[in-house]
Amino acid sequence: MKIAQVQTRCECQAVLTADVDASGRVQAGRSRLHGEEELAPATGINVGHDQFQVGWLCNICGRNTVRSFYRGALVFHDVADAPAAAPAAV
């Protein structure tokens, strides 16, 4: 699967990050402030268009933050679909 990462700052200065796949769907959202990173709900809006938006619920301050991104400017990287399972102990 190919993933691109988009990020922005919330009004509270937390860094909001989202992983976007090649079809435009948001796979995961995170927020980070003072080195502490937490999961933050994120969703894609108008994902079928070249210009799309990502909306986050910042779990630091509670604000809804929406930012626009251009698909042509994203850099996609290959990532494994699922992490490899560790071998079972015998």
Protein backbone atom coordinates (compact mmCIF):
# COMPACT_ATOMS: atom_id res chain seq x y z
CA MET A 1 0.00 0.00 0.00
CA LYS A 2 1.25 3.51 -0.77
CA ILE A 3 0.96 6.12 1.99
CA ALA A 4 1.66 9.85 2.08
CA GLN A 5 1.86 11.87 5.27
CA VAL A 6 0.29 15.32 5.59
CA GLN A 7 0.69 17.59 8.57
CA THR A 8 -0.32 20.98 9.88
CA ARG A 9 -0.50 22.89 13.14
CA CYS A 10 -3.60 23.33 15.23
CA GLU A 11 -4.37 26.70 16.82
CA CYS A 12 -3.03 25.27 20.10
CA GLN A 13 0.30 24.62 18.28
CA ALA A 14 -0.05 20.81 18.36
CA VAL A 15 1.29 19.12 15.22
CA LEU A 16 -1.54 17.25 13.48
CA THR A 17 -0.47 14.42 11.15
CA ALA A 18 -2.49 12.08 8.92
CA ASP A 19 -1.52 9.11 6.77
CA VAL A 20 -3.33 9.27 3.42
CA ASP A 21 -3.40 6.31 1.01
CA ALA A 22 -3.21 6.57 -2.79
CA SER A 23 -7.02 6.60 -3.09
CA GLY A 24 -7.21 9.58 -0.72
CA ARG A 25 -8.60 7.83 2.36
CA VAL A 26 -7.14 8.76 5.73
CA GLN A 27 -5.66 5.68 7.39
CA ALA A 28 -4.58 7.22 10.71
CA GLY A 29 -4.41 10.57 12.46
CA ARG A 30 -2.12 11.74 15.24
CA SER A 31 -1.42 14.82 17.32
CA ARG A 32 1.86 15.73 18.99
CA LEU A 33 2.65 18.42 21.53
CA HIS A 34 5.83 18.70 23.65
CA GLY A 35 7.08 15.34 22.36
CA GLU A 36 3.99 13.37 23.38
CA GLU A 37 2.12 11.77 20.48
CA GLU A 38 -1.47 10.52 20.67
CA LEU A 39 -3.99 9.16 18.20
CA ALA A 40 -6.32 11.88 16.91
CA PRO A 41 -9.46 11.18 14.86
CA ALA A 42 -9.01 12.31 11.25
CA THR A 43 -11.12 12.02 8.12
CA GLY A 44 -10.76 12.85 4.44
CA ILE A 45 -13.20 15.19 2.68
CA ASN A 46 -13.65 15.24 -1.14
CA VAL A 47 -11.06 12.48 -1.40
CA GLY A 48 -11.88 11.75 -5.05
CA HIS A 49 -10.66 15.19 -6.17
CA ASP A 50 -7.16 16.57 -6.75
CA GLN A 51 -7.84 19.20 -4.08
CA PHE A 52 -9.05 17.50 -0.89
CA GLN A 53 -9.34 18.30 2.79
CA VAL A 54 -8.39 16.48 5.97
CA GLY A 55 -10.30 17.16 9.16
CA TRP A 56 -8.88 16.38 12.61
CA LEU A 57 -10.35 16.48 16.09
CA CYS A 58 -7.40 17.79 18.07
CA ASN A 59 -7.37 15.80 21.28
CA ILE A 60 -5.09 18.39 22.93
CA CYS A 61 -7.53 21.33 22.78
CA GLY A 62 -10.74 19.80 21.36
CA ARG A 63 -10.88 21.95 18.21
CA ASN A 64 -11.95 20.66 14.81
CA THR A 65 -9.24 21.59 12.32
CA VAL A 66 -9.68 21.33 8.53
CA ARG A 67 -6.86 21.87 6.03
CA SER A 68 -6.72 21.59 2.23
CA PHE A 69 -4.10 19.60 0.35
CA TYR A 70 -3.28 19.07 -3.34
CA ARG A 71 -2.89 15.39 -4.28
CA GLY A 72 -0.23 16.16 -6.92
CA ALA A 73 2.10 17.54 -4.22
CA LEU A 74 2.01 14.39 -2.07
CA VAL A 75 4.94 11.96 -1.98
CA PHE A 76 3.79 8.37 -1.56
CA HIS A 77 5.92 5.64 0.02
CA ASP A 78 5.35 1.89 -0.04
CA VAL A 79 4.49 0.40 3.34
CA ALA A 80 3.54 -3.12 4.33
CA ASP A 81 -0.20 -3.74 4.51
CA ALA A 82 0.13 -5.38 7.90
CA PRO A 83 3.07 -5.75 10.25
CA ALA A 84 4.72 -9.13 10.15
CA ALA A 85 3.68 -11.35 13.02
CA ALA A 86 6.39 -12.37 15.43
CA PRO A 87 7.19 -16.09 15.42
CA ALA A 88 5.44 -18.00 18.15
CA ALA A 89 7.53 -19.08 21.10
CA VAL A 90 7.99 -22.83 21.39
